[in-house]
Protein backbone atom coordinates (compact mmCIF):
# COMPACT_ATOMS: atom_id res chain seq x y z
CA MET A 1 33.07 150.80 37.64
CA ASP A 2 31.91 154.43 38.01
CA THR A 3 32.35 156.26 41.48
CA GLN A 4 28.33 156.58 41.89
CA ARG A 5 27.91 153.04 41.79
CA LEU A 6 30.82 152.28 44.16
CA ILE A 7 29.22 154.79 46.72
CA LEU A 8 25.78 152.99 46.34
CA PHE A 9 27.15 149.60 46.55
CA ILE A 10 29.48 150.46 50.11
CA ALA A 11 26.33 152.08 51.54
CA PHE A 12 24.30 149.69 50.34
CA SER A 13 26.32 146.88 51.87
CA PHE A 14 26.77 148.85 55.16
CA SER A 15 22.98 149.29 55.59
CA ILE A 16 22.44 145.44 55.00
CA LEU A 17 25.07 144.31 57.68
CA LEU A 18 23.60 147.14 60.01
CA LEU A 19 20.05 145.75 59.37
CA TRP A 20 20.84 141.99 59.34
CA ASP A 21 22.65 142.49 63.12
CA GLY A 22 19.64 144.28 63.92
CA TRP A 23 17.36 141.50 62.77
CA GLN A 24 19.37 138.92 64.51
CA LYS A 25 19.28 140.99 67.85
CA GLU A 26 15.40 141.24 67.47
CA HIS A 27 14.55 137.70 66.27
CA GLN A 28 17.17 135.61 68.57
CA PRO A 29 15.65 133.10 70.90
CA LYS A 30 15.09 134.74 74.31
CA PRO A 31 16.42 132.82 77.35
CA GLN A 32 13.45 131.30 79.33
CA PRO A 33 12.99 132.57 82.65
CA GLU A 34 13.88 129.96 85.36
CA VAL A 35 13.13 129.18 88.94
CA VAL A 36 16.42 129.35 90.83
CA THR A 37 15.74 127.20 94.14
CA SER A 38 19.07 128.28 95.75
CA GLN A 39 20.29 126.22 99.06
CA VAL A 40 21.81 129.01 101.36
CA LYS A 41 25.20 128.47 101.75
CA PRO A 42 27.87 130.23 104.29
CA ALA A 43 27.84 134.18 103.70
CA SER A 44 31.58 133.59 102.65
CA ASP A 45 30.27 131.56 100.02
CA GLN A 46 27.80 133.79 98.47
CA LEU A 47 29.56 137.41 98.68
CA PRO A 48 32.34 138.61 96.42
CA SER A 49 36.14 137.14 97.94
CA THR A 50 39.09 139.15 98.05
CA LYS A 51 42.89 138.84 97.58
CA GLN A 52 44.09 135.26 97.71
CA ASN A 53 42.75 133.93 94.54
CA LEU A 54 42.20 136.74 91.87
CA SER A 55 41.30 134.24 89.46
CA ALA A 56 38.13 132.93 91.55
CA LEU A 57 36.66 136.43 91.62
CA PRO A 58 34.24 136.87 92.87
CA ALA A 59 32.36 134.23 94.55
CA THR A 60 28.82 136.36 94.40
CA GLN A 61 25.99 134.18 94.37
CA GLN A 62 22.63 135.69 94.39
CA VAL A 63 19.67 134.04 96.38
CA VAL A 64 17.14 134.69 93.34
CA SER A 65 13.73 133.43 93.29
CA ALA A 66 11.50 133.23 90.51
CA GLY A 67 13.86 136.13 89.08
CA SER A 68 13.19 138.67 91.94
CA LEU A 69 15.02 140.29 94.70
CA THR A 70 13.99 139.82 98.50
CA SER A 71 12.34 143.33 99.61
CA GLY A 72 12.05 144.85 102.79
CA GLN A 73 10.66 148.43 103.56
CA ARG A 74 11.10 151.16 100.61
CA ILE A 75 12.43 154.47 100.97
CA ASN A 76 11.51 157.31 98.52
CA VAL A 77 14.06 159.85 97.54
CA HIS A 78 13.55 162.99 95.00
CA THR A 79 15.75 165.44 93.88
CA ASN A 80 15.45 167.79 91.13
CA LEU A 81 17.09 165.07 88.78
CA VAL A 82 16.39 162.18 90.17
CA ASN A 83 13.69 159.84 91.95
CA ALA A 84 14.89 156.65 94.00
CA GLN A 85 13.88 154.11 95.58
CA ILE A 86 15.93 152.33 98.49
CA ASP A 87 15.55 148.99 100.19
CA THR A 88 16.48 148.42 103.66
CA MET A 89 16.97 144.93 102.51
CA GLY A 90 20.89 145.48 101.92
CA GLY A 91 20.18 148.93 101.29
CA ASP A 92 19.90 148.42 97.31
CA LEU A 93 19.11 151.30 95.15
CA ARG A 94 16.43 149.60 93.16
CA ARG A 95 14.89 151.91 91.37
CA LEU A 96 16.32 155.18 89.72
CA ASP A 97 14.03 157.32 87.12
CA PHE A 98 15.24 160.82 85.65
CA THR A 99 12.85 163.93 85.74
CA LYS A 100 14.83 165.40 82.81
CA HIS A 101 14.65 162.48 80.43
CA SER A 102 11.20 160.56 79.66
CA GLU A 103 10.61 157.25 78.13
CA THR A 104 10.90 156.83 74.53
CA HIS A 105 7.56 155.88 73.63
CA ASP A 106 5.66 157.59 76.30
CA LYS A 107 6.98 161.32 77.02
CA SER A 108 4.66 161.34 80.03
CA LYS A 109 6.80 158.65 82.17
CA ASN A 110 9.99 159.45 83.24
CA PHE A 111 13.03 157.08 81.71
CA VAL A 112 13.93 154.47 84.44
CA LEU A 113 17.19 153.55 84.66
CA PHE A 114 17.53 150.92 87.76
CA ASP A 115 14.33 148.54 88.23
CA ASP A 116 14.04 145.54 90.27
CA LYS A 117 11.27 144.23 88.33
CA PRO A 118 12.13 140.64 87.14
CA THR A 119 11.99 141.43 83.32
CA ASP A 120 13.88 144.63 83.94
CA LEU A 121 16.12 143.72 86.87
CA TYR A 122 19.31 146.36 87.25
CA VAL A 123 19.92 147.63 90.55
CA ALA A 124 22.80 148.84 92.61
CA GLN A 125 24.14 147.13 95.44
CA SER A 126 26.86 147.30 98.25
CA GLY A 127 28.25 145.50 101.54
CA LEU A 128 30.77 144.27 103.79
CA LEU A 129 32.80 141.51 103.64
CA ASN A 130 33.38 139.75 106.91
CA ALA A 131 32.19 137.14 108.92
CA GLY A 132 29.19 138.94 110.75
CA LEU A 133 28.93 142.48 108.86
CA PRO A 134 26.17 143.59 106.83
CA SER A 135 25.76 142.61 103.12
CA HIS A 136 23.53 143.31 100.69
CA LYS A 137 21.43 140.52 101.87
CA SER A 138 21.19 141.97 105.65
CA LEU A 139 18.08 144.05 106.77
CA PHE A 140 18.61 147.88 107.62
CA LYS A 141 16.84 150.48 109.54
CA SER A 142 15.85 153.73 108.43
CA GLU A 143 14.43 156.60 110.55
CA ALA A 144 11.91 157.98 107.37
CA THR A 145 10.43 156.63 104.47
CA ASP A 146 10.60 159.63 102.20
CA TYR A 147 13.52 162.16 101.55
CA LYS A 148 13.25 165.33 99.38
CA MET A 149 15.95 167.80 98.62
CA LEU A 150 14.75 171.10 100.27
CA PRO A 151 15.20 174.36 98.10
CA GLY A 152 18.56 175.94 98.66
CA LYS A 153 20.44 172.48 99.86
CA ASP A 154 23.34 171.15 97.82
CA LYS A 155 22.72 167.57 99.27
CA LEU A 156 20.66 164.90 100.77
CA ASP A 157 21.46 162.17 103.22
CA VAL A 158 19.76 159.13 103.49
CA ARG A 159 21.11 157.04 106.65
CA LEU A 160 20.37 153.25 107.30
CA THR A 161 21.76 151.71 110.11
CA TRP A 162 22.76 148.08 111.09
CA GLU A 163 23.87 146.80 114.84
CA ASP A 164 24.99 143.10 115.51
CA ASN A 165 27.71 141.69 117.54
CA GLY A 166 28.98 145.01 119.12
CA VAL A 167 29.38 146.50 115.65
CA THR A 168 27.17 149.41 114.06
CA VAL A 169 27.33 150.15 110.50
CA THR A 170 25.80 153.12 109.03
CA LYS A 171 25.08 153.27 105.31
CA ILE A 172 24.78 156.72 103.82
CA TYR A 173 23.31 157.45 100.31
CA THR A 174 24.11 161.32 99.65
CA PHE A 175 22.41 162.85 96.56
CA HIS A 176 23.90 166.09 95.09
CA ASN A 177 21.26 169.04 93.90
CA ASP A 178 22.17 169.15 90.13
CA SER A 179 23.97 166.02 89.98
CA TYR A 180 23.79 162.52 89.00
CA LEU A 181 26.50 161.69 90.98
CA ILE A 182 25.37 159.55 94.36
CA ASP A 183 27.91 158.82 97.40
CA VAL A 184 27.74 155.81 98.84
CA SER A 185 29.83 155.39 102.03
CA TYR A 186 29.64 153.28 105.12
CA GLU A 187 30.63 154.32 108.73
CA ILE A 188 31.72 151.23 110.59
CA ASN A 189 31.58 151.70 114.55
CA ASN A 190 33.35 148.71 116.48
CA THR A 191 32.15 148.60 119.58
CA SER A 192 32.97 144.75 120.44
CA ALA A 193 35.70 143.37 122.24
CA THR A 194 38.06 142.39 119.17
CA ALA A 195 39.42 143.82 116.04
CA ILE A 196 37.84 143.33 112.74
CA LYS A 197 39.29 143.51 109.35
CA PRO A 198 36.29 144.21 106.80
CA ASP A 199 36.70 145.06 103.00
CA ALA A 200 33.95 146.95 101.28
CA TYR A 201 32.14 145.85 98.01
CA PHE A 202 30.19 147.96 95.46
CA GLN A 203 28.14 146.28 92.33
CA MET A 204 25.56 146.67 89.55
CA LEU A 205 23.28 143.65 88.95
CA ARG A 206 21.33 143.41 85.89
CA ASN A 207 19.94 140.98 83.73
CA GLY A 208 21.62 140.44 80.19
CA ARG A 209 18.52 141.75 78.16
CA PRO A 210 18.96 145.20 76.21
CA PRO A 211 16.81 148.01 77.41
CA ALA A 212 13.14 148.03 76.03
CA ASP A 213 13.82 151.27 74.08
CA ASP A 214 16.58 150.00 72.22
CA PRO A 215 16.74 150.71 68.51
CA LYS A 216 15.32 147.72 66.95
CA PHE A 217 17.28 147.20 64.09
CA ILE A 218 20.43 148.69 64.98
CA GLN A 219 22.82 147.09 67.48
CA THR A 220 23.94 148.97 70.14
CA TYR A 221 26.07 147.90 73.49
CA THR A 222 24.68 146.80 76.68
CA GLY A 223 27.09 145.10 78.85
CA ALA A 224 29.95 146.04 81.59
CA ALA A 225 33.07 148.21 81.11
CA ILE A 226 36.24 148.98 82.65
CA TYR A 227 39.08 151.75 82.76
CA THR A 228 42.56 152.00 84.34
CA GLU A 229 45.23 154.14 83.31
CA ALA A 230 47.22 151.02 82.61
CA GLY A 231 44.65 149.16 80.44
CA LYS A 232 42.47 151.95 79.24
CA PHE A 233 39.05 151.59 78.59
CA HIS A 234 37.44 148.14 77.06
CA LYS A 235 34.14 146.64 77.29
CA ILE A 236 33.52 143.48 78.99
CA SER A 237 30.39 141.82 77.03
CA PHE A 238 27.66 139.57 78.85
CA SER A 239 28.99 136.26 76.74
CA ASP A 240 32.38 137.06 77.73
CA ILE A 241 31.72 137.16 81.43
CA THR A 242 29.40 133.58 80.69
CA LYS A 243 32.63 132.20 79.23
CA SER A 244 34.95 133.85 81.97
CA LYS A 245 36.79 135.04 78.92
CA GLU A 246 37.60 138.30 80.26
CA GLU A 247 40.96 138.61 82.18
CA LEU A 248 40.74 141.47 84.80
CA PRO A 249 43.49 143.49 86.31
CA GLY A 250 44.70 142.63 89.39
CA LYS A 251 45.06 144.99 92.40
CA LYS A 252 45.07 148.54 91.21
CA GLN A 253 45.42 152.05 92.43
CA ASP A 254 42.84 153.76 89.89
CA GLY A 255 40.09 153.13 87.54
CA TRP A 256 36.33 152.28 87.47
CA ILE A 257 33.80 149.91 86.54
CA ALA A 258 30.37 150.44 84.78
CA MET A 259 27.13 149.00 83.17
CA LEU A 260 26.76 150.54 79.86
CA GLN A 261 23.50 150.74 77.34
CA HIS A 262 22.53 152.85 74.57
CA TYR A 263 22.41 156.51 75.80
CA PHE A 264 22.98 155.72 79.79
CA LEU A 265 25.13 154.43 81.94
CA SER A 266 26.11 153.39 85.62
CA ALA A 267 29.64 153.34 87.11
CA TRP A 268 31.25 152.92 90.48
CA LEU A 269 34.25 155.41 91.00
CA PRO A 270 36.49 154.69 93.72
CA ALA A 271 38.59 158.24 94.61
CA GLY A 272 42.05 159.14 94.90
CA ASN A 273 45.08 156.19 94.97
CA VAL A 274 43.04 153.72 97.26
CA GLN A 275 43.43 149.96 96.13
CA ARG A 276 40.90 148.55 94.55
CA GLU A 277 39.95 144.82 92.65
CA PHE A 278 37.48 144.72 89.90
CA TYR A 279 35.13 141.71 89.32
CA THR A 280 32.40 140.62 86.96
CA LYS A 281 30.56 137.38 87.26
CA GLU A 282 27.76 135.65 86.06
CA VAL A 283 25.59 135.05 89.17
CA GLY A 284 22.25 133.36 88.06
CA PRO A 285 20.51 132.51 84.69
CA ASP A 286 20.64 135.62 82.26
CA LEU A 287 22.05 137.44 85.65
CA PHE A 288 25.30 139.65 85.62
CA SER A 289 27.27 141.54 88.56
CA ALA A 290 30.08 143.86 87.89
CA GLY A 291 31.92 145.31 90.80
CA VAL A 292 35.01 146.72 92.87
CA ILE A 293 36.52 146.15 96.21
CA LEU A 294 38.20 148.34 98.49
CA PRO A 295 39.74 147.53 101.86
CA VAL A 296 38.46 149.29 104.58
CA GLY A 297 41.54 148.46 107.36
CA GLU A 298 41.67 146.99 110.82
CA ILE A 299 39.19 148.54 112.83
CA GLU A 300 40.47 148.30 116.64
CA PRO A 301 37.72 148.05 119.42
CA GLY A 302 36.22 151.65 120.09
CA GLN A 303 37.48 152.88 116.68
CA THR A 304 35.34 154.07 113.68
CA LYS A 305 36.36 153.73 110.06
CA SER A 306 34.75 154.85 106.93
CA VAL A 307 34.70 153.98 103.08
CA LYS A 308 32.88 155.81 100.52
CA VAL A 309 32.36 155.35 96.60
CA GLU A 310 30.74 157.41 94.13
CA LEU A 311 28.15 156.48 92.15
CA TYR A 312 27.12 157.63 88.72
CA ALA A 313 24.11 156.99 87.09
CA GLY A 314 22.55 159.15 84.42
CA PRO A 315 23.10 159.99 80.51
CA GLN A 316 26.19 159.77 78.54
CA GLU A 317 26.73 163.43 78.22
CA GLN A 318 30.13 163.91 77.28
CA ASP A 319 31.07 167.23 78.77
CA ASN A 320 29.70 166.18 81.85
CA LEU A 321 31.72 162.89 82.26
CA LYS A 322 34.64 164.51 81.46
CA LYS A 323 34.95 166.19 84.41
CA ILE A 324 33.87 163.49 86.70
CA ALA A 325 36.58 160.91 86.33
CA PRO A 326 39.13 159.89 83.74
CA GLY A 327 38.18 158.05 80.94
CA LEU A 328 34.72 158.28 81.81
CA ASN A 329 33.68 159.91 78.84
CA LEU A 330 35.01 156.82 76.69
CA SER A 331 31.83 155.04 77.79
CA VAL A 332 30.69 157.09 74.50
CA ASP A 333 32.33 154.49 72.45
CA TYR A 334 32.97 155.21 68.79
CA GLY A 335 34.95 152.01 68.24
CA MET A 336 37.76 151.94 65.97
CA LEU A 337 36.99 155.63 64.44
CA THR A 338 36.74 157.29 67.34
CA ILE A 339 39.93 159.31 66.04
CA ILE A 340 37.38 160.75 63.66
CA ALA A 341 34.42 160.59 65.30
CA ALA A 342 35.53 162.55 68.49
CA PRO A 343 36.30 165.84 66.51
CA LEU A 344 32.91 165.37 64.31
CA PHE A 345 31.05 165.43 67.79
CA TRP A 346 32.99 168.27 69.00
CA VAL A 347 32.56 170.17 66.28
CA LEU A 348 28.62 169.25 65.78
CA SER A 349 28.04 170.52 69.58
CA SER A 350 29.93 173.67 69.17
CA ILE A 351 27.64 174.26 65.90
CA TYR A 352 24.63 173.28 68.09
CA LYS A 353 25.48 175.71 70.80
CA LEU A 354 25.42 178.12 68.34
CA VAL A 355 21.91 177.25 67.05
CA ASN A 356 20.56 175.79 69.93
CA ASN A 357 18.72 173.07 67.24
CA TRP A 358 20.27 169.59 66.87
CA GLY A 359 18.66 169.27 63.53
CA VAL A 360 20.16 172.61 62.35
CA ALA A 361 23.32 171.65 63.65
CA ILE A 362 23.56 168.46 61.57
CA ILE A 363 22.60 170.32 58.49
CA LEU A 364 25.43 172.69 58.96
CA LEU A 365 27.80 170.12 59.94
CA THR A 366 26.89 168.28 56.84
CA VAL A 367 27.48 171.28 54.57
CA LEU A 368 31.10 171.65 56.37
CA ILE A 369 31.71 168.22 55.64
CA LYS A 370 30.80 168.67 51.98
CA LEU A 371 32.86 171.63 51.77
CA ALA A 372 36.27 170.18 53.24
CA PHE A 373 35.73 167.23 50.65
CA TYR A 374 34.72 169.43 47.51
CA PRO A 375 38.03 169.14 45.67
CA LEU A 376 37.66 165.19 46.29
CA SER A 377 34.09 164.93 45.29
CA ALA A 378 34.41 167.44 42.21
CA LYS A 379 37.11 164.83 40.94
CA SER A 380 34.89 162.10 41.38
CA TYR A 381 31.94 163.97 39.41
CA ARG A 382 34.13 165.18 36.54
CA SER A 383 35.36 161.37 36.20
CA MET A 384 31.33 160.62 36.09
CA ALA A 385 30.60 163.57 33.97
CA GLN A 386 33.20 162.48 31.28
CA MET A 387 31.61 158.77 31.59
CA ARG A 388 28.30 160.31 30.67
CA VAL A 389 29.70 162.11 27.70
CA LEU A 390 31.44 159.14 26.46
CA GLY A 391 27.97 156.97 26.68
CA PRO A 392 26.98 156.88 22.95
CA LYS A 393 30.79 155.90 21.99
CA LEU A 394 30.82 153.19 24.65
CA ALA A 395 27.32 152.22 23.07
CA LYS A 396 28.43 152.02 19.79
CA LEU A 397 31.64 150.13 20.81
CA LYS A 398 29.29 147.23 22.24
CA GLU A 399 27.17 147.25 18.76
CA GLN A 400 30.18 146.70 16.95
CA PHE A 401 31.84 144.07 18.99
CA GLY A 402 29.07 142.37 20.44
CA ASP A 403 29.51 139.45 22.58
CA ASP A 404 33.43 139.66 21.80
CA ARG A 405 34.25 140.80 25.51
CA GLN A 406 37.86 140.71 25.01
CA ARG A 407 37.89 142.84 21.99
CA LEU A 408 35.02 145.27 23.68
CA HIS A 409 37.44 145.48 26.65
CA GLN A 410 40.20 146.64 24.49
CA ALA A 411 38.50 149.13 22.45
CA MET A 412 37.14 150.84 25.73
CA MET A 413 40.53 151.00 27.06
CA ASP A 414 42.08 152.55 23.93
CA LEU A 415 38.88 154.97 24.05
CA TYR A 416 39.44 156.11 27.50
CA LYS A 417 43.19 156.38 26.67
CA THR A 418 42.49 158.63 23.58
CA GLU A 419 39.97 160.84 25.51
CA LYS A 420 42.33 160.77 28.54
CA ILE A 421 39.70 159.68 31.02
CA ASN A 422 40.66 157.24 34.08
CA PRO A 423 37.14 155.24 34.67
CA LEU A 424 38.69 154.64 38.27
CA GLY A 425 39.67 158.41 38.69
CA GLY A 426 37.05 158.99 41.19
CA CYS A 427 37.21 156.22 43.43
CA LEU A 428 39.84 157.20 45.93
CA PRO A 429 38.10 160.56 46.69
CA VAL A 430 34.99 158.35 47.56
CA VAL A 431 37.10 155.62 49.52
CA VAL A 432 38.83 158.36 51.42
CA GLN A 433 35.41 159.72 52.80
CA ILE A 434 33.77 156.36 53.73
CA PRO A 435 35.56 156.72 57.16
CA VAL A 436 33.90 159.96 57.90
CA PHE A 437 30.48 159.11 56.73
CA ILE A 438 30.57 156.01 58.97
CA SER A 439 31.99 157.81 61.70
CA LEU A 440 29.24 160.40 61.78
CA TYR A 441 26.98 157.66 61.61
CA TRP A 442 27.88 156.42 64.97
CA VAL A 443 28.24 159.97 66.44
CA LEU A 444 24.52 160.71 65.66
CA LEU A 445 23.79 157.20 67.03
CA ALA A 446 25.46 157.28 70.12
CA THR A 447 24.96 160.92 71.06
CA VAL A 448 22.31 161.11 74.24
CA GLU A 449 22.04 164.95 73.40
CA MET A 450 20.45 163.85 70.20
CA ARG A 451 17.54 161.91 72.11
CA GLN A 452 14.23 163.54 72.35
CA ALA A 453 15.82 166.47 70.56
CA PRO A 454 12.96 168.28 68.17
CA PHE A 455 13.96 169.40 64.98
CA MET A 456 11.09 171.27 63.03
CA LEU A 457 7.40 170.42 61.82
CA TRP A 458 6.89 166.45 62.25
CA ILE A 459 10.35 165.89 63.55
CA HIS A 460 9.87 166.14 67.07
CA ASP A 461 12.61 163.44 68.28
CA LEU A 462 15.97 162.92 65.98
CA SER A 463 16.86 159.81 67.95
CA ILE A 464 13.91 157.35 66.51
CA PRO A 465 12.51 157.03 62.73
CA ASP A 466 10.49 159.62 60.99
CA PRO A 467 6.84 158.60 62.43
CA TYR A 468 5.37 159.75 58.50
CA TYR A 469 8.60 158.45 56.70
CA ILE A 470 8.65 161.72 54.91
CA LEU A 471 12.53 161.84 54.98
CA PRO A 472 13.25 158.39 53.95
CA ILE A 473 10.98 159.50 50.54
CA ILE A 474 12.95 162.54 50.14
CA MET A 475 16.24 160.73 50.58
CA GLY A 476 14.78 158.20 48.01
CA ILE A 477 13.87 161.02 45.58
CA THR A 478 17.24 162.47 45.93
CA MET A 479 18.83 159.26 45.08
CA ILE A 480 16.71 158.78 41.89
CA ILE A 481 17.91 162.04 40.64
CA GLN A 482 21.34 160.91 41.27
CA THR A 483 20.92 158.04 39.46
CA ARG A 484 19.74 160.33 36.40
CA LEU A 485 22.91 162.20 36.64
CA ASN A 486 25.15 158.96 36.43
CA PRO A 487 25.99 157.65 33.35
CA THR A 488 23.77 154.55 32.30
CA PRO A 489 25.57 151.11 32.92
CA PRO A 490 26.01 149.24 29.82
CA ASP A 491 24.92 146.22 31.16
CA PRO A 492 20.80 146.02 31.37
CA ILE A 493 20.78 144.29 34.47
CA GLN A 494 23.14 146.51 36.43
CA ALA A 495 20.86 149.18 35.14
CA LYS A 496 18.14 147.96 36.42
CA VAL A 497 19.52 147.09 40.03
CA MET A 498 20.64 150.75 40.15
CA MET A 499 17.18 151.89 39.24
CA PHE A 500 15.99 149.57 41.79
CA MET A 501 18.20 150.97 44.75
CA PRO A 502 16.72 154.07 45.61
CA ILE A 503 13.81 152.17 46.40
CA ALA A 504 15.52 149.86 48.56
CA PHE A 505 17.33 152.38 50.50
CA SER A 506 13.98 154.45 51.29
CA ILE A 507 12.74 151.02 52.86
CA PHE A 508 15.80 150.36 54.94
CA PHE A 509 15.97 154.32 56.11
CA PHE A 510 12.53 153.81 57.17
CA PHE A 511 13.90 152.15 60.41
CA PHE A 512 16.77 154.42 60.97
CA PRO A 513 16.85 157.58 63.42
CA ALA A 514 15.42 160.78 61.62
CA GLY A 515 18.70 162.54 62.52
CA LEU A 516 20.86 160.05 60.39
CA VAL A 517 18.23 160.35 57.31
CA LEU A 518 18.31 164.10 57.67
CA TYR A 519 22.13 163.67 57.28
CA TRP A 520 21.92 161.81 54.02
CA VAL A 521 19.18 164.05 52.41
CA VAL A 522 21.05 167.05 53.14
CA ASN A 523 24.20 165.22 51.82
CA ASN A 524 22.46 163.81 48.55
CA VAL A 525 20.78 167.45 47.95
CA LEU A 526 24.40 169.25 48.13
CA SER A 527 25.70 166.38 46.15
CA ILE A 528 23.47 166.52 43.40
CA ALA A 529 23.83 170.00 43.12
CA GLN A 530 27.67 169.72 42.58
CA GLN A 531 27.22 167.34 40.41
CA TRP A 532 24.88 168.96 38.22
CA GLN A 533 27.05 172.11 37.89
CA ILE A 534 30.07 169.83 37.03
CA THR A 535 28.03 167.70 34.53
CA ARG A 536 26.57 170.53 32.75
CA ALA A 537 29.83 172.56 32.34
CA ILE A 538 31.48 169.24 30.91
CA GLU A 539 28.71 168.73 28.31
CA SER A 540 28.63 172.23 27.77
CA MET A 541 32.16 172.12 26.85
CA LYS A 542 32.44 168.90 24.80
CA ALA A 543 29.48 170.23 22.85
CA GLY A 544 31.60 173.35 22.23
CA HIS A 545 34.52 171.08 20.82
CA VAL A 546 32.12 169.59 18.80
CA LYS A 547 30.36 172.58 17.17
CA ARG A 548 34.09 173.98 16.16
């Protein structure tokens, strides 16, 4: 089996797995929406519980009617990066869109992360745990309904108030200029005659469906994730939440919890060495919560205490995430090959800073990878060239021994030994390169910086398929040329399969992001040039020996 066939087989198998996984995601039965008629329970049964029984965390139960949330008055907030809508019911952050990121299929609209539509339910909620204190189901008041970041200002405060039983609670959203960080804080003023000891919870609530602009035939992760210094980063899928398979850490002094999707995330980021408890729960049909609970401490009569947690809701820009919280950049997850993928992304982003075009950066990175593996590739192509030169002799052996496979195999081994050729000599170099190819695949797929990044001519977005399928067709042509440079397989059926593969690959790559196809095209062109040069040199050398 020559090395080019090994490359094609592995790449073909990898593509089949990706497409099959994507097809299953696209065509799996969707859960039918259910109307939940909830009997209202005491507040203590509806909110996250703390401390006593960690295995029971949380007891959060959302009151859901026909898949929608109860609403109060809307408060609109505008900064240079986000447009937000806060609902006075609970002070929920019900809608958040980004001014610097547009929808995948409609560039005239902003990309929406949070939304309270039943079909796209994904909101940020918070509240206090103590009998008589406001939760995400309590009605707040606001002095205004429209807020806008003024020129020259670094931050914008939105204040909501709640008052009952001698306790005044002020919930404050602080938006920052040029930042996707939002501070969510509570000021609790106890003017009652007795002390109170509340805890505060901060959670994301969302349905289990992937976002509408998720790639159709490529599986990406949508679900929760958690990070602590002890446990490091790990994902918590919606299916694991449903089955209660995930064991969450106990009380911690560090860490954060997030909801991830392709290119974007939201995360609650408690600061400092504040004690915290994390929780996840299925709170309704196809509805999940993930959050963190923090103690506020005892508040004596006449005292005021506050608690604050930062909420990051924005794109997975790795350079920015590193600066915000430890481990937050790990939300861009390359899986088992992170050790290879992370340096590849660093090189890719460094090239981009020089050329200011992600398509050109992909081309230059492909050239660098090709140069790094040049000696290994050359060994593979020499092996194929030698096998190509031996083609006529192998054909004669097949004619001589006919269907006697044992004698034919022995004669071929003797010929390889005489010619000092190892038919599998190029396999190891190819196997060594495979992890790099797969790592680069995930880098190009997961990089939000590639989203809606133009290349040139008809390629206006490297993160979506080529709209005219020109790159996949060019890739198919390069694969046909590569096939012609390879030794012809002795088996006629195998030869037909090898001729069919370029067409099959072109069809598969119709659905792949243009950035990935661009990488394959450049890699194929460079491989053709290298293989042609080596094949010509070996064939010329063999021809010279024959003449003498």
